[in-house]
Every structure is written in structure tokens, then in C-alpha cells.
Amino acid sequence: MKQTKNQIQKILETLHSLYPKVKTELLHESPFQLLIATMLSAQCTDKQVNAVTPLLFQKMPCAEHIANASIEEIEEKIHSTGFFRNKARNIKKCCQILVEKYHGNIPSSLEELVALPGVGRKTANVVLSSAFNVPAIVVDTHVIRISARLGLTKEKDPEKIELDLQKCIPKEYWSDLSLQLIFLGRSLCPARNPKCTICPLNSWCVFGKKQIKKLL
């Protein structure tokens, strides 16, 4: 079942009423800090990343500091975020390129961001939307699950899901939509035991309607 433009607008309005002011929960004071924090957030909670980054940025406040640090120094600071060896290597390589190619600044285009080591579309879109106010859709596990349940996509691949959402969602909603779906996924629409009966989106949700029908 494909959603109509009117139904999609209702979904967007309802999400806005539920989560009117959304922003990333990763603590940051600059595009550089957000990029590094987002790289650290892979397979790690935002809460844990936020416990690590203040000390990391106190010791290594810019790309040049990380580029010149040893892998061991970086690993020590980010150890508790998991997969720390891969993350440390990618972060160091990324910062070396930032220094050499961008004078330590963070590029503000998707193409340039995804060319950096350890930076995929998801990380790039977080930086674009939250650091540069560029409309972007961040496709994480919550967005994958809920966009399918809402009937907004049938795709499984994150990039194809992103393209589907770009086609049916007005551009001005892109950045908020990602965060709203993430918050919805944490509260009402988890992978297991979603709370369909009390979800404000159940009037337009393909999955939710089926779940409620089973209970009747």
C-alpha cells in the first residue's frame, strides 16, 4: 500500500505535534565535534559517546591534534565506545585528510564527506543536517523499520530507502523527519512489541492497522 500525499502530510503533521523541536542528542559545539561524535556512535549509544567526547575534545580539540596523535592515544580516549581500534584508525586518517585537504575544516557536501575514511551516508547526513542545516535524511535502524511500517518504502537498502523518502517527503521536512522517527522508534515503535494501539500514527500506518486488526 502506497501512501497518498495527503496521508503523508498527516503523518508529518502528527510527528511534528509529537516532537516539535528535535535535535541530535550527540553533544557538540562545532561541525568537527559532531563529525567525530557521529563516527564514534556506530554500534554505541549517544549517551556513551557523550561520556567520552568532552575529555577527548579537551585533549584533542581540533583535526590537527587528532591527526598528530598516536593511534594508541586515540584508542585510550575512545575505548569505551566499542570497535575502538577501527574507529581510532578511521578518525586519525579522516583528520589527516581534513588537515591536508580542507585546512582542518569540515566539508559541507555529501560527496566530500563520504569520501572521508569511516564516513558513510548516515554519518554525512547527520553532519549536513545538524551542523550545516542542509536538508538531509539520516537512515538508521529506526528509520528503516518505521518507514517500511508506514508504507513509505519497500526497500531494504539504506541508500534506496533514503531516495524513496526524498521522493515522497517535502525537502523542508527531511532533517526533522529522521530524528522524529528515531524518537518514535525508541518510545512507541520498537522492533519488538510496538505500541500500535496507542500510537498517534495508527490511522495511517500500514503495519499498525494490521496489528490492531489482529487484536479485534
N, C-alpha and C. Protein backbone atom coordinates (compact mmCIF):
# COMPACT_ATOMS: atom_id res chain seq x y z
N MET A 1 0.84 -1.20 0.00
CA MET A 1 0.00 0.00 0.00
C MET A 1 0.88 1.25 0.00
N LYS A 2 0.62 2.11 -0.98
CA LYS A 2 1.40 3.34 -1.08
C LYS A 2 0.61 4.49 -0.47
N GLN A 3 1.29 5.31 0.31
CA GLN A 3 0.63 6.43 0.96
C GLN A 3 0.38 7.56 -0.04
N THR A 4 -0.77 8.22 0.10
CA THR A 4 -1.08 9.38 -0.74
C THR A 4 -0.37 10.61 -0.16
N LYS A 5 -0.31 11.67 -0.97
CA LYS A 5 0.31 12.91 -0.49
C LYS A 5 -0.40 13.43 0.76
N ASN A 6 -1.72 13.31 0.77
CA ASN A 6 -2.50 13.78 1.91
C ASN A 6 -2.18 12.96 3.17
N GLN A 7 -2.06 11.65 3.00
CA GLN A 7 -1.73 10.79 4.14
C GLN A 7 -0.33 11.09 4.66
N ILE A 8 0.60 11.30 3.74
CA ILE A 8 1.97 11.62 4.15
C ILE A 8 2.00 12.94 4.91
N GLN A 9 1.21 13.92 4.46
CA GLN A 9 1.15 15.20 5.16
C GLN A 9 0.60 15.02 6.57
N LYS A 10 -0.40 14.16 6.72
CA LYS A 10 -0.96 13.88 8.05
C LYS A 10 0.10 13.24 8.95
N ILE A 11 0.86 12.32 8.39
CA ILE A 11 1.94 11.68 9.15
C ILE A 11 2.95 12.71 9.62
N LEU A 12 3.35 13.60 8.71
CA LEU A 12 4.34 14.63 9.05
C LEU A 12 3.82 15.59 10.10
N GLU A 13 2.55 15.97 9.99
CA GLU A 13 1.95 16.88 10.96
C GLU A 13 1.86 16.23 12.34
N THR A 14 1.52 14.94 12.35
CA THR A 14 1.41 14.22 13.62
C THR A 14 2.78 14.07 14.28
N LEU A 15 3.77 13.75 13.49
CA LEU A 15 5.14 13.65 14.02
C LEU A 15 5.60 14.99 14.59
N HIS A 16 5.24 16.07 13.91
CA HIS A 16 5.63 17.40 14.39
C HIS A 16 4.93 17.73 15.71
N SER A 17 3.68 17.30 15.84
CA SER A 17 2.97 17.56 17.10
C SER A 17 3.55 16.74 18.25
N LEU A 18 4.05 15.54 17.92
CA LEU A 18 4.67 14.69 18.94
C LEU A 18 6.05 15.19 19.33
N TYR A 19 6.82 15.60 18.33
CA TYR A 19 8.21 16.01 18.54
C TYR A 19 8.46 17.33 17.80
N PRO A 20 7.97 18.44 18.36
CA PRO A 20 8.04 19.73 17.65
C PRO A 20 9.44 20.30 17.51
N LYS A 21 10.28 20.06 18.50
CA LYS A 21 11.64 20.60 18.45
C LYS A 21 12.63 19.45 18.64
N VAL A 22 13.24 19.06 17.55
CA VAL A 22 14.16 17.92 17.62
C VAL A 22 15.58 18.33 17.26
N LYS A 23 16.52 17.72 17.92
CA LYS A 23 17.93 17.93 17.57
C LYS A 23 18.71 16.69 18.00
N THR A 24 19.85 16.49 17.39
CA THR A 24 20.65 15.32 17.73
C THR A 24 21.03 15.35 19.21
N GLU A 25 21.08 14.17 19.81
CA GLU A 25 21.44 14.09 21.22
C GLU A 25 22.95 14.00 21.43
N LEU A 26 23.69 13.96 20.34
CA LEU A 26 25.15 13.96 20.45
C LEU A 26 25.64 15.37 20.80
N LEU A 27 26.34 15.50 21.90
CA LEU A 27 26.84 16.80 22.33
C LEU A 27 27.94 17.27 21.38
N HIS A 28 27.85 18.52 20.96
CA HIS A 28 28.88 19.07 20.07
C HIS A 28 28.80 20.59 20.07
N GLU A 29 29.93 21.20 19.77
CA GLU A 29 29.99 22.66 19.69
C GLU A 29 30.46 23.14 18.32
N SER A 30 30.71 22.21 17.41
CA SER A 30 31.20 22.57 16.08
C SER A 30 30.95 21.41 15.12
N PRO A 31 31.00 21.68 13.82
CA PRO A 31 30.88 20.59 12.84
C PRO A 31 31.94 19.50 13.05
N PHE A 32 33.15 19.90 13.41
CA PHE A 32 34.22 18.93 13.68
C PHE A 32 33.83 17.99 14.81
N GLN A 33 33.36 18.55 15.91
CA GLN A 33 32.98 17.72 17.05
C GLN A 33 31.82 16.79 16.70
N LEU A 34 30.87 17.28 15.93
CA LEU A 34 29.74 16.44 15.55
C LEU A 34 30.19 15.30 14.64
N LEU A 35 31.08 15.59 13.71
CA LEU A 35 31.59 14.54 12.82
C LEU A 35 32.26 13.43 13.63
N ILE A 36 33.14 13.79 14.53
CA ILE A 36 33.85 12.78 15.33
C ILE A 36 32.87 12.03 16.23
N ALA A 37 31.95 12.74 16.87
CA ALA A 37 30.97 12.10 17.75
C ALA A 37 30.11 11.11 16.98
N THR A 38 29.71 11.48 15.77
CA THR A 38 28.88 10.60 14.96
C THR A 38 29.66 9.36 14.53
N MET A 39 30.92 9.53 14.20
CA MET A 39 31.76 8.37 13.86
C MET A 39 31.88 7.43 15.06
N LEU A 40 31.96 7.99 16.25
CA LEU A 40 32.06 7.17 17.46
C LEU A 40 30.74 6.48 17.80
N SER A 41 29.63 7.01 17.31
CA SER A 41 28.31 6.49 17.69
C SER A 41 27.95 5.18 17.00
N ALA A 42 28.75 4.73 16.04
CA ALA A 42 28.48 3.46 15.38
C ALA A 42 28.53 2.32 16.41
N GLN A 43 27.44 1.56 16.50
CA GLN A 43 27.34 0.45 17.46
C GLN A 43 27.56 0.92 18.90
N CYS A 44 27.13 2.14 19.18
CA CYS A 44 27.31 2.70 20.52
C CYS A 44 26.18 3.68 20.78
N THR A 45 25.77 3.82 22.03
CA THR A 45 24.69 4.75 22.36
C THR A 45 25.20 6.18 22.37
N ASP A 46 24.29 7.11 22.10
CA ASP A 46 24.64 8.53 22.19
C ASP A 46 25.11 8.88 23.59
N LYS A 47 24.48 8.26 24.59
CA LYS A 47 24.84 8.54 25.99
C LYS A 47 26.30 8.19 26.26
N GLN A 48 26.73 7.04 25.75
CA GLN A 48 28.11 6.63 25.97
C GLN A 48 29.09 7.52 25.21
N VAL A 49 28.72 7.90 23.99
CA VAL A 49 29.57 8.81 23.23
C VAL A 49 29.71 10.14 23.97
N ASN A 50 28.60 10.63 24.52
CA ASN A 50 28.63 11.90 25.25
C ASN A 50 29.48 11.82 26.52
N ALA A 51 29.66 10.60 27.03
CA ALA A 51 30.52 10.43 28.21
C ALA A 51 32.00 10.48 27.84
N VAL A 52 32.28 10.23 26.56
CA VAL A 52 33.67 10.14 26.09
C VAL A 52 34.18 11.44 25.46
N THR A 53 33.32 12.09 24.68
CA THR A 53 33.80 13.22 23.86
C THR A 53 34.28 14.45 24.63
N PRO A 54 33.72 14.82 25.78
CA PRO A 54 34.25 16.02 26.44
C PRO A 54 35.75 15.93 26.74
N LEU A 55 36.19 14.79 27.27
CA LEU A 55 37.61 14.63 27.58
C LEU A 55 38.43 14.50 26.30
N LEU A 56 37.87 13.81 25.30
CA LEU A 56 38.57 13.67 24.01
C LEU A 56 38.84 15.04 23.40
N PHE A 57 37.80 15.88 23.37
CA PHE A 57 37.96 17.20 22.73
C PHE A 57 38.75 18.18 23.59
N GLN A 58 38.80 17.90 24.90
CA GLN A 58 39.64 18.72 25.77
C GLN A 58 41.11 18.47 25.45
N LYS A 59 41.43 17.20 25.21
CA LYS A 59 42.82 16.82 24.91
C LYS A 59 43.16 17.03 23.43
N MET A 60 42.17 16.83 22.57
CA MET A 60 42.39 16.93 21.12
C MET A 60 41.28 17.79 20.52
N PRO A 61 41.39 19.10 20.63
CA PRO A 61 40.29 20.00 20.28
C PRO A 61 40.05 20.25 18.80
N CYS A 62 40.97 19.81 17.94
CA CYS A 62 40.78 20.07 16.52
C CYS A 62 41.35 18.93 15.69
N ALA A 63 41.08 18.97 14.39
CA ALA A 63 41.52 17.90 13.50
C ALA A 63 43.04 17.73 13.53
N GLU A 64 43.76 18.83 13.63
CA GLU A 64 45.22 18.77 13.62
C GLU A 64 45.76 17.99 14.82
N HIS A 65 45.13 18.19 15.98
CA HIS A 65 45.57 17.48 17.18
C HIS A 65 45.39 15.97 17.01
N ILE A 66 44.23 15.56 16.48
CA ILE A 66 43.98 14.13 16.29
C ILE A 66 44.88 13.57 15.20
N ALA A 67 45.09 14.34 14.14
CA ALA A 67 45.95 13.89 13.05
C ALA A 67 47.37 13.62 13.54
N ASN A 68 47.82 14.40 14.51
CA ASN A 68 49.19 14.27 15.02
C ASN A 68 49.30 13.32 16.21
N ALA A 69 48.16 12.88 16.75
CA ALA A 69 48.17 11.97 17.89
C ALA A 69 48.49 10.55 17.43
N SER A 70 48.99 9.75 18.34
CA SER A 70 49.24 8.34 18.00
C SER A 70 47.92 7.57 18.05
N ILE A 71 47.88 6.46 17.34
CA ILE A 71 46.69 5.61 17.36
C ILE A 71 46.38 5.18 18.80
N GLU A 72 47.44 4.87 19.56
CA GLU A 72 47.26 4.41 20.94
C GLU A 72 46.61 5.49 21.81
N GLU A 73 47.01 6.74 21.61
CA GLU A 73 46.42 7.85 22.37
C GLU A 73 44.93 7.98 22.07
N ILE A 74 44.58 7.86 20.79
CA ILE A 74 43.17 7.97 20.40
C ILE A 74 42.38 6.80 20.95
N GLU A 75 42.94 5.59 20.83
CA GLU A 75 42.26 4.39 21.34
C GLU A 75 41.96 4.52 22.83
N GLU A 76 42.92 5.04 23.57
CA GLU A 76 42.74 5.19 25.01
C GLU A 76 41.55 6.08 25.34
N LYS A 77 41.36 7.14 24.55
CA LYS A 77 40.28 8.09 24.82
C LYS A 77 38.90 7.57 24.41
N ILE A 78 38.86 6.69 23.40
CA ILE A 78 37.56 6.27 22.86
C ILE A 78 37.25 4.80 23.15
N HIS A 79 38.07 4.18 23.98
CA HIS A 79 37.99 2.73 24.23
C HIS A 79 36.57 2.25 24.54
N SER A 80 35.85 3.00 25.36
CA SER A 80 34.54 2.53 25.84
C SER A 80 33.42 2.64 24.81
N THR A 81 33.71 3.15 23.61
CA THR A 81 32.66 3.26 22.59
C THR A 81 32.53 1.99 21.75
N GLY A 82 33.44 1.03 21.95
CA GLY A 82 33.38 -0.21 21.18
C GLY A 82 34.04 -0.07 19.82
N PHE A 83 34.51 -1.19 19.29
CA PHE A 83 35.19 -1.20 17.98
C PHE A 83 36.22 -0.07 17.90
N PHE A 84 36.88 0.16 19.03
CA PHE A 84 37.71 1.37 19.17
C PHE A 84 38.93 1.37 18.27
N ARG A 85 39.44 0.19 17.93
CA ARG A 85 40.63 0.15 17.07
C ARG A 85 40.31 0.65 15.66
N ASN A 86 39.23 0.13 15.09
CA ASN A 86 38.81 0.59 13.76
C ASN A 86 38.45 2.07 13.79
N LYS A 87 37.72 2.46 14.83
CA LYS A 87 37.31 3.86 14.95
C LYS A 87 38.53 4.78 15.06
N ALA A 88 39.50 4.38 15.85
CA ALA A 88 40.70 5.21 16.03
C ALA A 88 41.44 5.38 14.70
N ARG A 89 41.58 4.28 13.96
CA ARG A 89 42.28 4.36 12.67
C ARG A 89 41.55 5.29 11.70
N ASN A 90 40.22 5.10 11.63
CA ASN A 90 39.43 5.93 10.70
C ASN A 90 39.44 7.40 11.09
N ILE A 91 39.31 7.65 12.39
CA ILE A 91 39.29 9.04 12.87
C ILE A 91 40.63 9.73 12.59
N LYS A 92 41.72 9.03 12.82
CA LYS A 92 43.04 9.62 12.56
C LYS A 92 43.21 9.90 11.06
N LYS A 93 42.89 8.91 10.21
CA LYS A 93 43.00 9.10 8.76
C LYS A 93 42.10 10.23 8.29
N CYS A 94 40.89 10.26 8.83
CA CYS A 94 39.93 11.31 8.48
C CYS A 94 40.50 12.69 8.81
N CYS A 95 41.04 12.82 10.01
CA CYS A 95 41.58 14.12 10.44
C CYS A 95 42.82 14.51 9.64
N GLN A 96 43.61 13.53 9.25
CA GLN A 96 44.77 13.84 8.40
C GLN A 96 44.33 14.45 7.07
N ILE A 97 43.27 13.88 6.49
CA ILE A 97 42.75 14.42 5.23
C ILE A 97 42.13 15.79 5.44
N LEU A 98 41.42 15.96 6.56
CA LEU A 98 40.82 17.26 6.85
C LEU A 98 41.89 18.35 6.93
N VAL A 99 43.00 18.02 7.54
CA VAL A 99 44.10 18.98 7.68
C VAL A 99 44.75 19.25 6.32
N GLU A 100 45.05 18.17 5.60
CA GLU A 100 45.78 18.30 4.32
C GLU A 100 44.93 18.95 3.22
N LYS A 101 43.66 18.58 3.18
CA LYS A 101 42.83 18.99 2.05
C LYS A 101 41.90 20.16 2.35
N TYR A 102 41.48 20.28 3.63
CA TYR A 102 40.47 21.28 3.98
C TYR A 102 40.93 22.25 5.06
N HIS A 103 42.24 22.28 5.34
CA HIS A 103 42.79 23.19 6.36
C HIS A 103 42.14 22.99 7.72
N GLY A 104 41.73 21.75 8.01
CA GLY A 104 41.13 21.43 9.30
C GLY A 104 39.64 21.68 9.38
N ASN A 105 39.05 22.22 8.32
CA ASN A 105 37.61 22.47 8.31
C ASN A 105 36.85 21.22 7.84
N ILE A 106 35.54 21.22 8.09
CA ILE A 106 34.70 20.11 7.68
C ILE A 106 33.98 20.48 6.39
N PRO A 107 34.11 19.67 5.34
CA PRO A 107 33.40 19.98 4.09
C PRO A 107 31.89 19.88 4.29
N SER A 108 31.16 20.64 3.50
CA SER A 108 29.70 20.70 3.69
C SER A 108 28.92 20.12 2.52
N SER A 109 29.53 19.18 1.81
CA SER A 109 28.79 18.48 0.76
C SER A 109 28.82 16.99 1.01
N LEU A 110 27.77 16.30 0.61
CA LEU A 110 27.68 14.86 0.81
C LEU A 110 28.84 14.13 0.15
N GLU A 111 29.15 14.53 -1.08
CA GLU A 111 30.20 13.86 -1.84
C GLU A 111 31.56 13.95 -1.15
N GLU A 112 31.87 15.12 -0.62
CA GLU A 112 33.16 15.29 0.06
C GLU A 112 33.19 14.55 1.40
N LEU A 113 32.07 14.56 2.11
CA LEU A 113 32.03 13.90 3.41
C LEU A 113 32.17 12.39 3.28
N VAL A 114 31.44 11.77 2.35
CA VAL A 114 31.50 10.31 2.23
C VAL A 114 32.84 9.83 1.67
N ALA A 115 33.63 10.74 1.15
CA ALA A 115 34.97 10.37 0.67
C ALA A 115 35.97 10.25 1.81
N LEU A 116 35.58 10.73 3.00
CA LEU A 116 36.47 10.66 4.17
C LEU A 116 36.46 9.25 4.75
N PRO A 117 37.59 8.76 5.25
CA PRO A 117 37.64 7.42 5.86
C PRO A 117 36.66 7.28 7.02
N GLY A 118 35.89 6.20 7.03
CA GLY A 118 34.97 5.94 8.13
C GLY A 118 33.68 6.73 8.09
N VAL A 119 33.46 7.48 7.02
CA VAL A 119 32.25 8.31 6.92
C VAL A 119 31.35 7.77 5.81
N GLY A 120 30.19 7.24 6.21
CA GLY A 120 29.20 6.78 5.24
C GLY A 120 28.10 7.82 5.08
N ARG A 121 27.08 7.46 4.33
CA ARG A 121 25.98 8.41 4.08
C ARG A 121 25.27 8.80 5.37
N LYS A 122 25.11 7.84 6.27
CA LYS A 122 24.40 8.13 7.53
C LYS A 122 25.14 9.20 8.32
N THR A 123 26.43 9.00 8.54
CA THR A 123 27.24 9.99 9.26
C THR A 123 27.26 11.33 8.54
N ALA A 124 27.44 11.27 7.23
CA ALA A 124 27.48 12.51 6.43
C ALA A 124 26.18 13.28 6.55
N ASN A 125 25.06 12.58 6.51
CA ASN A 125 23.76 13.26 6.59
C ASN A 125 23.49 13.83 7.98
N VAL A 126 24.01 13.18 9.02
CA VAL A 126 23.91 13.76 10.37
C VAL A 126 24.64 15.11 10.41
N VAL A 127 25.84 15.14 9.87
CA VAL A 127 26.64 16.37 9.86
C VAL A 127 25.98 17.44 9.01
N LEU A 128 25.50 17.07 7.83
CA LEU A 128 24.85 18.05 6.95
C LEU A 128 23.64 18.67 7.61
N SER A 129 22.79 17.82 8.21
CA SER A 129 21.52 18.32 8.76
C SER A 129 21.71 19.06 10.08
N SER A 130 22.55 18.52 10.96
CA SER A 130 22.66 19.10 12.30
C SER A 130 23.76 20.15 12.45
N ALA A 131 24.77 20.10 11.59
CA ALA A 131 25.86 21.09 11.70
C ALA A 131 25.74 22.21 10.67
N PHE A 132 25.21 21.88 9.49
CA PHE A 132 25.17 22.86 8.41
C PHE A 132 23.75 23.26 7.99
N ASN A 133 22.74 22.70 8.66
CA ASN A 133 21.34 22.99 8.33
C ASN A 133 21.01 22.71 6.86
N VAL A 134 21.65 21.70 6.31
CA VAL A 134 21.35 21.25 4.95
C VAL A 134 20.32 20.13 5.05
N PRO A 135 19.19 20.23 4.36
CA PRO A 135 18.19 19.17 4.43
C PRO A 135 18.79 17.81 4.07
N ALA A 136 18.63 16.85 4.97
CA ALA A 136 19.20 15.52 4.74
C ALA A 136 18.41 14.50 5.54
N ILE A 137 18.31 13.29 5.01
CA ILE A 137 17.60 12.21 5.69
C ILE A 137 18.61 11.20 6.20
N VAL A 138 18.63 11.03 7.51
CA VAL A 138 19.53 10.07 8.15
C VAL A 138 18.80 8.74 8.27
N VAL A 139 19.30 7.72 7.61
CA VAL A 139 18.64 6.42 7.63
C VAL A 139 19.36 5.49 8.61
N ASP A 140 18.78 5.37 9.81
CA ASP A 140 19.32 4.43 10.78
C ASP A 140 18.33 3.28 10.94
N THR A 141 18.54 2.40 11.90
CA THR A 141 17.67 1.22 12.04
C THR A 141 16.22 1.61 12.33
N HIS A 142 16.02 2.66 13.12
CA HIS A 142 14.65 3.10 13.42
C HIS A 142 13.96 3.61 12.15
N VAL A 143 14.67 4.41 11.38
CA VAL A 143 14.11 4.97 10.14
C VAL A 143 13.81 3.86 9.14
N ILE A 144 14.70 2.88 9.04
CA ILE A 144 14.47 1.73 8.15
C ILE A 144 13.19 1.01 8.53
N ARG A 145 13.05 0.71 9.81
CA ARG A 145 11.90 -0.06 10.30
C ARG A 145 10.59 0.72 10.16
N ILE A 146 10.59 1.96 10.62
CA ILE A 146 9.33 2.71 10.68
C ILE A 146 8.88 3.19 9.30
N SER A 147 9.81 3.57 8.45
CA SER A 147 9.41 3.99 7.10
C SER A 147 8.76 2.83 6.35
N ALA A 148 9.23 1.61 6.60
CA ALA A 148 8.61 0.43 5.99
C ALA A 148 7.23 0.18 6.59
N ARG A 149 7.12 0.28 7.90
CA ARG A 149 5.83 0.06 8.57
C ARG A 149 4.79 1.08 8.13
N LEU A 150 5.23 2.29 7.88
CA LEU A 150 4.31 3.34 7.45
C LEU A 150 3.94 3.23 5.97
N GLY A 151 4.61 2.34 5.26
CA GLY A 151 4.31 2.19 3.83
C GLY A 151 4.97 3.24 2.96
N LEU A 152 6.07 3.82 3.45
CA LEU A 152 6.77 4.86 2.70
C LEU A 152 7.84 4.27 1.78
N THR A 153 8.21 3.02 2.02
CA THR A 153 9.20 2.35 1.18
C THR A 153 9.06 0.85 1.32
N LYS A 154 9.49 0.15 0.29
CA LYS A 154 9.56 -1.31 0.34
C LYS A 154 11.02 -1.78 0.26
N GLU A 155 11.92 -0.82 0.18
CA GLU A 155 13.33 -1.14 0.03
C GLU A 155 13.96 -1.58 1.36
N LYS A 156 15.04 -2.33 1.25
CA LYS A 156 15.79 -2.77 2.43
C LYS A 156 17.14 -2.06 2.54
N ASP A 157 17.66 -1.63 1.40
CA ASP A 157 18.96 -0.96 1.37
C ASP A 157 18.83 0.49 1.85
N PRO A 158 19.66 0.92 2.81
CA PRO A 158 19.55 2.28 3.37
C PRO A 158 19.58 3.39 2.32
N GLU A 159 20.45 3.27 1.33
CA GLU A 159 20.54 4.34 0.32
C GLU A 159 19.26 4.40 -0.53
N LYS A 160 18.70 3.24 -0.85
CA LYS A 160 17.46 3.21 -1.63
C LYS A 160 16.29 3.74 -0.80
N ILE A 161 16.31 3.44 0.50
CA ILE A 161 15.28 3.97 1.40
C ILE A 161 15.38 5.49 1.45
N GLU A 162 16.59 5.99 1.56
CA GLU A 162 16.82 7.45 1.57
C GLU A 162 16.24 8.09 0.31
N LEU A 163 16.48 7.48 -0.84
CA LEU A 163 15.98 8.02 -2.10
C LEU A 163 14.46 7.97 -2.16
N ASP A 164 13.86 6.87 -1.67
CA ASP A 164 12.40 6.77 -1.63
C ASP A 164 11.80 7.87 -0.77
N LEU A 165 12.39 8.10 0.39
CA LEU A 165 11.88 9.13 1.30
C LEU A 165 12.06 10.52 0.71
N GLN A 166 13.16 10.73 0.02
CA GLN A 166 13.37 12.03 -0.62
C GLN A 166 12.30 12.31 -1.68
N LYS A 167 11.82 11.26 -2.32
CA LYS A 167 10.81 11.42 -3.37
C LYS A 167 9.44 11.77 -2.81
N CYS A 168 9.10 11.22 -1.65
CA CYS A 168 7.74 11.40 -1.14
C CYS A 168 7.62 12.41 -0.01
N ILE A 169 8.74 12.83 0.58
CA ILE A 169 8.71 13.78 1.70
C ILE A 169 9.21 15.14 1.21
N PRO A 170 8.45 16.21 1.44
CA PRO A 170 8.93 17.55 1.06
C PRO A 170 10.27 17.86 1.74
N LYS A 171 11.14 18.52 1.02
CA LYS A 171 12.52 18.73 1.45
C LYS A 171 12.62 19.42 2.81
N GLU A 172 11.69 20.33 3.09
CA GLU A 172 11.78 21.08 4.34
C GLU A 172 11.55 20.20 5.58
N TYR A 173 11.05 18.97 5.37
CA TYR A 173 10.80 18.06 6.49
C TYR A 173 11.92 17.04 6.69
N TRP A 174 12.85 16.96 5.75
CA TRP A 174 13.82 15.87 5.77
C TRP A 174 14.57 15.72 7.09
N SER A 175 15.20 16.78 7.54
CA SER A 175 16.08 16.68 8.71
C SER A 175 15.30 16.34 9.98
N ASP A 176 14.16 16.99 10.18
CA ASP A 176 13.35 16.70 11.35
C ASP A 176 12.78 15.28 11.30
N LEU A 177 12.39 14.84 10.12
CA LEU A 177 11.78 13.51 9.98
C LEU A 177 12.68 12.42 10.55
N SER A 178 13.95 12.46 10.22
CA SER A 178 14.87 11.43 10.69
C SER A 178 14.86 11.35 12.21
N LEU A 179 15.02 12.48 12.87
CA LEU A 179 15.06 12.50 14.33
C LEU A 179 13.71 12.12 14.93
N GLN A 180 12.63 12.57 14.32
CA GLN A 180 11.30 12.23 14.82
C GLN A 180 11.05 10.73 14.76
N LEU A 181 11.46 10.09 13.68
CA LEU A 181 11.29 8.64 13.56
C LEU A 181 12.19 7.89 14.54
N ILE A 182 13.37 8.42 14.79
CA ILE A 182 14.26 7.81 15.78
C ILE A 182 13.63 7.87 17.17
N PHE A 183 13.09 9.03 17.54
CA PHE A 183 12.45 9.17 18.85
C PHE A 183 11.20 8.31 18.94
N LEU A 184 10.43 8.23 17.85
CA LEU A 184 9.24 7.38 17.82
C LEU A 184 9.64 5.92 17.98
N GLY A 185 10.74 5.53 17.33
CA GLY A 185 11.21 4.15 17.42
C GLY A 185 11.63 3.77 18.82
N ARG A 186 12.16 4.72 19.55
CA ARG A 186 12.59 4.44 20.92
C ARG A 186 11.42 4.36 21.89
N SER A 187 10.35 5.11 21.60
CA SER A 187 9.25 5.20 22.56
C SER A 187 8.05 4.32 22.22
N LEU A 188 7.55 4.42 20.99
CA LEU A 188 6.30 3.73 20.64
C LEU A 188 6.46 2.63 19.61
N CYS A 189 7.51 2.69 18.81
CA CYS A 189 7.61 1.76 17.68
C CYS A 189 8.93 1.00 17.65
N PRO A 190 9.24 0.26 18.74
CA PRO A 190 10.46 -0.55 18.72
C PRO A 190 10.29 -1.75 17.79
N ALA A 191 11.38 -2.45 17.56
CA ALA A 191 11.32 -3.62 16.67
C ALA A 191 10.37 -4.68 17.21
N ARG A 192 10.41 -4.90 18.51
CA ARG A 192 9.54 -5.89 19.14
C ARG A 192 8.49 -5.19 19.99
N ASN A 193 7.31 -5.75 19.98
CA ASN A 193 6.20 -5.24 20.80
C ASN A 193 5.92 -3.75 20.62
N PRO A 194 5.71 -3.31 19.38
CA PRO A 194 5.36 -1.90 19.16
C PRO A 194 4.00 -1.58 19.78
N LYS A 195 3.84 -0.36 20.25
CA LYS A 195 2.61 0.06 20.94
C LYS A 195 1.61 0.65 19.94
N CYS A 196 1.19 -0.19 18.99
CA CYS A 196 0.35 0.28 17.88
C CYS A 196 -0.99 0.86 18.35
N THR A 197 -1.56 0.27 19.38
CA THR A 197 -2.90 0.70 19.80
C THR A 197 -2.92 2.13 20.34
N ILE A 198 -1.79 2.60 20.86
CA ILE A 198 -1.77 3.95 21.41
C ILE A 198 -0.94 4.92 20.56
N CYS A 199 -0.45 4.43 19.42
CA CYS A 199 0.38 5.29 18.56
C CYS A 199 -0.49 6.28 17.79
N PRO A 200 -0.18 7.56 17.86
CA PRO A 200 -0.97 8.58 17.14
C PRO A 200 -0.92 8.43 15.61
N LEU A 201 -0.01 7.59 15.11
CA LEU A 201 0.10 7.40 13.66
C LEU A 201 -0.69 6.19 13.17
N ASN A 202 -1.40 5.50 14.06
CA ASN A 202 -2.01 4.23 13.65
C ASN A 202 -3.11 4.37 12.60
N SER A 203 -3.65 5.56 12.42
CA SER A 203 -4.68 5.76 11.38
C SER A 203 -4.10 5.66 9.98
N TRP A 204 -2.79 5.92 9.85
CA TRP A 204 -2.16 5.92 8.51
C TRP A 204 -1.07 4.87 8.37
N CYS A 205 -0.84 4.10 9.43
CA CYS A 205 0.26 3.14 9.43
C CYS A 205 -0.20 1.78 8.91
N VAL A 206 0.40 1.33 7.82
CA VAL A 206 0.04 0.05 7.21
C VAL A 206 0.24 -1.09 8.20
N PHE A 207 1.40 -1.12 8.83
CA PHE A 207 1.73 -2.16 9.80
C PHE A 207 0.83 -2.07 11.02
N GLY A 208 0.63 -0.85 11.53
CA GLY A 208 -0.18 -0.65 12.72
C GLY A 208 -1.62 -1.10 12.56
N LYS A 209 -2.19 -0.81 11.40
CA LYS A 209 -3.57 -1.23 11.13
C LYS A 209 -3.70 -2.75 11.19
N LYS A 210 -2.73 -3.44 10.62
CA LYS A 210 -2.75 -4.91 10.63
C LYS A 210 -2.61 -5.45 12.04
N GLN A 211 -1.73 -4.83 12.82
CA GLN A 211 -1.52 -5.28 14.20
C GLN A 211 -2.76 -5.09 15.05
N ILE A 212 -3.42 -3.95 14.87
CA ILE A 212 -4.64 -3.66 15.64
C ILE A 212 -5.76 -4.60 15.22
N LYS A 213 -5.84 -4.89 13.93
CA LYS A 213 -6.88 -5.80 13.41
C LYS A 213 -6.75 -7.18 14.03
N LYS A 214 -5.52 -7.62 14.27
CA LYS A 214 -5.29 -8.93 14.88
C LYS A 214 -5.86 -9.01 16.30
N LEU A 215 -5.92 -7.85 16.95
CA LEU A 215 -6.38 -7.81 18.34
C LEU A 215 -7.90 -7.78 18.46
N LEU A 216 -8.58 -7.49 17.35
CA LEU A 216 -10.04 -7.37 17.38
C LEU A 216 -10.72 -8.74 17.36
